[in-house]
N, C-alpha and C. Protein backbone atom coordinates (compact mmCIF):
# COMPACT_ATOMS: atom_id res chain seq x y z
N MET A 1 -78.75 83.45 -112.01
CA MET A 1 -78.96 82.86 -113.84
C MET A 1 -78.99 81.40 -113.55
N PHE A 2 -79.84 80.71 -114.16
CA PHE A 2 -80.17 79.47 -114.59
C PHE A 2 -80.01 78.93 -115.70
N THR A 3 -79.44 77.73 -115.74
CA THR A 3 -79.20 77.40 -117.39
C THR A 3 -79.84 76.12 -117.72
N ALA A 4 -79.94 75.72 -118.54
CA ALA A 4 -80.60 74.66 -118.89
C ALA A 4 -80.04 73.35 -118.54
N ASP A 5 -78.72 73.50 -118.57
CA ASP A 5 -77.92 72.27 -117.82
C ASP A 5 -78.22 72.08 -116.76
N GLY A 6 -78.84 72.49 -115.86
CA GLY A 6 -79.14 72.28 -114.32
C GLY A 6 -78.24 73.06 -113.21
N ARG A 7 -77.42 74.07 -113.70
CA ARG A 7 -76.42 75.05 -112.79
C ARG A 7 -77.26 76.29 -113.11
N TRP A 8 -76.87 76.85 -111.75
CA TRP A 8 -77.20 78.40 -111.53
C TRP A 8 -76.13 79.20 -111.14
N THR A 9 -76.10 80.24 -111.09
CA THR A 9 -75.09 81.11 -110.65
C THR A 9 -75.73 82.38 -109.98
N SER A 10 -74.70 82.58 -109.00
CA SER A 10 -75.59 84.23 -107.99
C SER A 10 -74.55 85.09 -108.46
N ILE A 11 -75.32 86.06 -108.80
CA ILE A 11 -74.22 87.47 -109.26
C ILE A 11 -74.40 88.60 -108.06
N ARG A 12 -73.54 88.84 -107.53
CA ARG A 12 -73.38 89.87 -106.39
C ARG A 12 -72.38 91.14 -106.83
N ASP A 13 -73.24 92.12 -106.80
CA ASP A 13 -72.18 93.48 -107.11
C ASP A 13 -71.57 93.22 -108.60
N GLY A 14 -72.52 92.88 -109.28
CA GLY A 14 -71.94 92.55 -111.04
C GLY A 14 -70.85 91.36 -111.18
N LYS A 15 -70.73 90.50 -109.90
CA LYS A 15 -69.50 89.46 -110.11
C LYS A 15 -70.40 88.25 -109.77
N PRO A 16 -69.91 87.14 -110.41
CA PRO A 16 -70.40 85.86 -109.92
C PRO A 16 -69.87 85.51 -108.53
N TRP A 17 -70.86 85.14 -107.57
CA TRP A 17 -70.33 84.87 -106.32
C TRP A 17 -69.65 83.61 -106.33
N ASP A 18 -68.35 83.49 -105.26
CA ASP A 18 -67.43 82.41 -105.36
C ASP A 18 -68.09 80.96 -104.78
N ILE A 19 -68.66 80.52 -105.89
CA ILE A 19 -69.21 79.23 -105.69
C ILE A 19 -68.53 78.35 -106.74
N SER A 20 -68.12 76.93 -106.12
CA SER A 20 -67.44 75.91 -106.82
C SER A 20 -68.47 75.42 -107.84
N SER A 21 -69.41 75.08 -107.10
CA SER A 21 -70.27 74.24 -108.13
C SER A 21 -71.90 74.17 -107.74
N THR A 22 -72.64 74.32 -108.75
CA THR A 22 -74.19 74.29 -108.23
C THR A 22 -74.68 73.62 -108.75
N ALA A 23 -76.02 73.10 -108.34
CA ALA A 23 -77.28 72.49 -109.14
C ALA A 23 -78.52 72.70 -109.00
N TYR A 24 -79.43 72.68 -109.72
CA TYR A 24 -80.80 72.52 -109.39
C TYR A 24 -81.58 71.61 -109.92
N VAL A 25 -82.81 71.11 -108.98
CA VAL A 25 -83.59 70.02 -109.38
C VAL A 25 -84.99 70.71 -109.22
N ILE A 26 -85.80 70.43 -110.26
CA ILE A 26 -87.29 71.13 -110.13
C ILE A 26 -88.37 69.78 -110.08
N ASP A 27 -89.24 69.90 -109.68
CA ASP A 27 -90.35 69.04 -109.86
C ASP A 27 -91.63 70.08 -110.31
N ALA A 28 -91.77 70.13 -111.45
CA ALA A 28 -93.00 70.89 -111.99
C ALA A 28 -94.20 70.29 -111.86
N LYS A 29 -94.23 69.29 -111.51
CA LYS A 29 -95.47 68.33 -111.22
C LYS A 29 -96.17 68.52 -109.81
N ALA A 30 -95.32 68.83 -109.32
CA ALA A 30 -95.66 68.81 -108.06
C ALA A 30 -96.70 70.16 -107.41
N ASP A 31 -97.59 70.14 -106.35
CA ASP A 31 -98.35 71.43 -106.32
C ASP A 31 -98.08 72.13 -105.07
N PRO A 32 -97.47 73.09 -104.84
CA PRO A 32 -96.93 73.47 -105.70
C PRO A 32 -95.58 73.09 -106.37
N PRO A 33 -95.33 73.36 -107.40
CA PRO A 33 -93.72 73.02 -108.16
C PRO A 33 -92.77 73.38 -107.10
N THR A 34 -91.80 72.52 -106.86
CA THR A 34 -90.72 72.40 -106.08
C THR A 34 -89.28 72.96 -106.67
N ILE A 35 -88.33 73.16 -106.05
CA ILE A 35 -86.97 73.60 -106.49
C ILE A 35 -85.94 73.34 -105.34
N ASP A 36 -84.99 72.59 -105.66
CA ASP A 36 -83.78 72.55 -104.66
C ASP A 36 -82.88 72.92 -105.29
N LEU A 37 -81.99 74.19 -104.60
CA LEU A 37 -80.98 75.02 -105.13
C LEU A 37 -79.53 74.17 -104.03
N ILE A 38 -78.77 73.48 -104.88
CA ILE A 38 -77.68 72.89 -104.46
C ILE A 38 -76.33 73.41 -104.71
N TYR A 39 -75.69 73.80 -103.68
CA TYR A 39 -74.02 74.67 -103.71
C TYR A 39 -72.82 73.89 -102.90
N ASP A 40 -72.39 73.95 -103.32
CA ASP A 40 -70.95 73.57 -102.80
C ASP A 40 -69.78 75.18 -102.64
N VAL A 41 -70.27 75.82 -101.51
CA VAL A 41 -69.14 77.03 -101.29
C VAL A 41 -67.78 76.53 -101.17
N VAL A 42 -67.09 77.36 -102.03
CA VAL A 42 -65.76 77.30 -102.07
C VAL A 42 -65.13 76.82 -100.58
N ALA A 43 -64.77 75.87 -100.22
CA ALA A 43 -63.78 75.55 -98.79
C ALA A 43 -65.03 75.43 -97.59
N ARG A 44 -66.19 75.27 -97.75
CA ARG A 44 -67.43 74.80 -96.78
C ARG A 44 -68.17 73.34 -97.27
N ALA A 45 -69.14 73.19 -96.79
CA ALA A 45 -69.94 71.87 -96.70
C ALA A 45 -70.91 72.26 -98.18
N SER A 46 -71.29 71.38 -98.32
CA SER A 46 -72.48 71.32 -99.76
C SER A 46 -73.79 71.79 -98.75
N ALA A 47 -74.61 72.14 -99.35
CA ALA A 47 -75.84 72.78 -98.74
C ALA A 47 -76.73 72.77 -99.94
N THR A 48 -78.21 72.17 -99.17
CA THR A 48 -79.16 72.32 -100.24
C THR A 48 -80.34 73.24 -99.45
N PHE A 49 -80.80 74.22 -100.51
CA PHE A 49 -82.24 74.83 -99.79
C PHE A 49 -83.52 74.25 -100.61
N GLN A 50 -84.51 73.97 -99.84
CA GLN A 50 -85.48 73.57 -100.47
C GLN A 50 -86.47 74.45 -100.73
N GLY A 51 -87.30 74.31 -101.47
CA GLY A 51 -88.06 75.45 -102.21
C GLY A 51 -89.35 75.18 -102.65
N THR A 52 -90.18 76.20 -103.11
CA THR A 52 -90.91 76.15 -104.19
C THR A 52 -90.85 77.31 -105.18
N TYR A 53 -91.24 77.10 -106.48
CA TYR A 53 -91.38 78.35 -107.42
C TYR A 53 -92.41 78.22 -107.90
N LYS A 54 -92.60 79.70 -108.58
CA LYS A 54 -93.54 80.15 -109.66
C LYS A 54 -93.09 81.17 -110.53
N LEU A 55 -93.37 80.40 -111.94
CA LEU A 55 -92.98 80.87 -112.46
C LEU A 55 -94.20 81.63 -113.75
N ASN A 56 -94.04 83.08 -113.83
CA ASN A 56 -94.88 84.06 -114.43
C ASN A 56 -94.57 84.71 -115.52
N GLY A 57 -94.34 84.41 -116.78
CA GLY A 57 -93.85 85.38 -117.86
C GLY A 57 -92.25 85.07 -117.71
N ASP A 58 -91.96 86.48 -117.46
CA ASP A 58 -90.50 86.38 -117.21
C ASP A 58 -89.91 86.88 -115.89
N THR A 59 -90.93 86.57 -114.86
CA THR A 59 -90.76 86.61 -113.68
C THR A 59 -90.76 85.42 -112.72
N LEU A 60 -89.62 85.02 -112.29
CA LEU A 60 -89.45 83.48 -111.29
C LEU A 60 -89.15 84.17 -109.82
N LYS A 61 -90.37 83.51 -108.90
CA LYS A 61 -90.61 83.79 -107.74
C LYS A 61 -90.12 82.41 -106.72
N ILE A 62 -89.22 82.15 -106.08
CA ILE A 62 -88.57 80.97 -105.20
C ILE A 62 -88.80 81.54 -103.79
N GLY A 63 -89.52 80.64 -102.95
CA GLY A 63 -89.33 80.70 -101.74
C GLY A 63 -88.46 79.42 -101.05
N SER A 64 -87.56 79.67 -100.71
CA SER A 64 -86.92 78.64 -100.28
C SER A 64 -86.73 78.83 -98.74
N ALA A 65 -86.05 77.57 -97.94
CA ALA A 65 -85.58 77.47 -96.96
C ALA A 65 -84.30 77.05 -96.56
N ASN A 66 -83.73 77.73 -95.21
CA ASN A 66 -82.44 77.09 -95.13
C ASN A 66 -82.20 75.85 -94.96
N PRO A 67 -80.83 75.26 -95.32
CA PRO A 67 -80.92 73.69 -95.11
C PRO A 67 -80.93 73.20 -93.54
N GLY A 68 -81.88 72.58 -93.53
CA GLY A 68 -82.25 71.90 -91.99
C GLY A 68 -83.87 72.26 -91.78
N THR A 69 -84.28 73.19 -92.58
CA THR A 69 -85.59 73.82 -92.43
C THR A 69 -87.02 73.41 -93.42
N ALA A 70 -87.93 73.10 -93.28
CA ALA A 70 -88.82 72.26 -93.81
C ALA A 70 -89.25 73.35 -95.08
N ARG A 71 -89.24 72.63 -96.29
CA ARG A 71 -89.94 73.34 -97.29
C ARG A 71 -91.02 74.26 -97.53
N PRO A 72 -90.73 75.58 -97.59
CA PRO A 72 -91.93 76.35 -97.37
C PRO A 72 -93.13 76.25 -98.21
N THR A 73 -94.48 76.60 -97.95
CA THR A 73 -95.60 76.48 -98.89
C THR A 73 -95.86 77.70 -99.16
N ALA A 74 -95.25 78.77 -99.02
CA ALA A 74 -95.95 80.29 -99.15
C ALA A 74 -95.11 81.05 -99.81
N PHE A 75 -95.27 82.22 -100.57
CA PHE A 75 -94.04 82.77 -101.08
C PHE A 75 -93.87 84.25 -100.25
N GLU A 76 -93.27 83.95 -98.80
CA GLU A 76 -93.23 85.04 -98.00
C GLU A 76 -92.06 84.68 -97.42
N SER A 77 -91.48 85.86 -96.71
CA SER A 77 -90.19 85.64 -95.90
C SER A 77 -90.18 86.60 -94.33
N PRO A 78 -91.17 85.92 -93.57
CA PRO A 78 -91.24 86.61 -92.20
C PRO A 78 -90.07 86.95 -91.74
N LYS A 79 -90.00 87.95 -90.92
CA LYS A 79 -88.74 88.65 -90.30
C LYS A 79 -88.58 87.33 -89.36
N MET A 80 -87.10 87.49 -89.28
CA MET A 80 -86.55 86.38 -88.50
C MET A 80 -86.92 85.09 -88.75
N SER A 81 -87.44 84.70 -89.86
CA SER A 81 -87.51 83.23 -90.21
C SER A 81 -86.36 82.72 -91.10
N ASN A 82 -86.41 81.41 -91.38
CA ASN A 82 -85.59 80.60 -92.03
C ASN A 82 -85.87 80.53 -93.35
N VAL A 83 -86.65 81.20 -93.61
CA VAL A 83 -87.11 81.13 -95.40
C VAL A 83 -86.69 82.65 -96.04
N ASN A 84 -86.20 82.03 -97.34
CA ASN A 84 -85.89 83.47 -98.37
C ASN A 84 -86.73 83.44 -99.38
N LEU A 85 -87.31 84.39 -99.65
CA LEU A 85 -87.98 84.92 -100.93
C LEU A 85 -87.02 85.74 -102.00
N THR A 86 -86.97 84.96 -103.02
CA THR A 86 -86.18 85.72 -104.32
C THR A 86 -87.02 85.83 -105.41
N VAL A 87 -87.05 86.69 -106.07
CA VAL A 87 -87.61 87.56 -106.81
C VAL A 87 -86.56 87.87 -108.36
N LEU A 88 -86.87 86.80 -109.35
CA LEU A 88 -85.83 87.33 -110.45
C LEU A 88 -86.76 87.41 -111.61
N ARG A 89 -86.14 88.40 -112.48
CA ARG A 89 -86.83 88.82 -113.89
C ARG A 89 -85.85 88.49 -114.88
N ARG A 90 -86.27 87.77 -116.11
CA ARG A 90 -85.19 87.52 -117.08
C ARG A 90 -84.88 88.82 -117.68
N VAL A 91 -83.61 88.78 -118.34
CA VAL A 91 -82.88 89.84 -118.94
C VAL A 91 -82.79 89.42 -120.60
N LYS A 92 -83.45 90.59 -120.90
CA LYS A 92 -83.61 90.43 -122.71
C LYS A 92 -82.32 90.82 -123.34
N LYS A 93 -81.96 89.61 -124.34
CA LYS A 93 -80.69 89.66 -124.62
C LYS A 93 -80.85 90.98 -126.03
């Protein structure tokens, strides 16, 4: 879940993931648009996943690289790669 105040929450098994603080930064003018997902996992170091995103109606695709890996340029996650592909759909209230 992404909020307008620059925060995001990951939900697993119906419960918020154990993250102490999160943030995201987007650059909608980049080609392709970029997103950085920043988080501090409880009792662990901070990490940033650099990625690209595509918003189409109520569907958000994010291709992000594990920390220390170059920002991906395609929306794919080859097996055994350091790239994550996430597809989110807006839930209507």
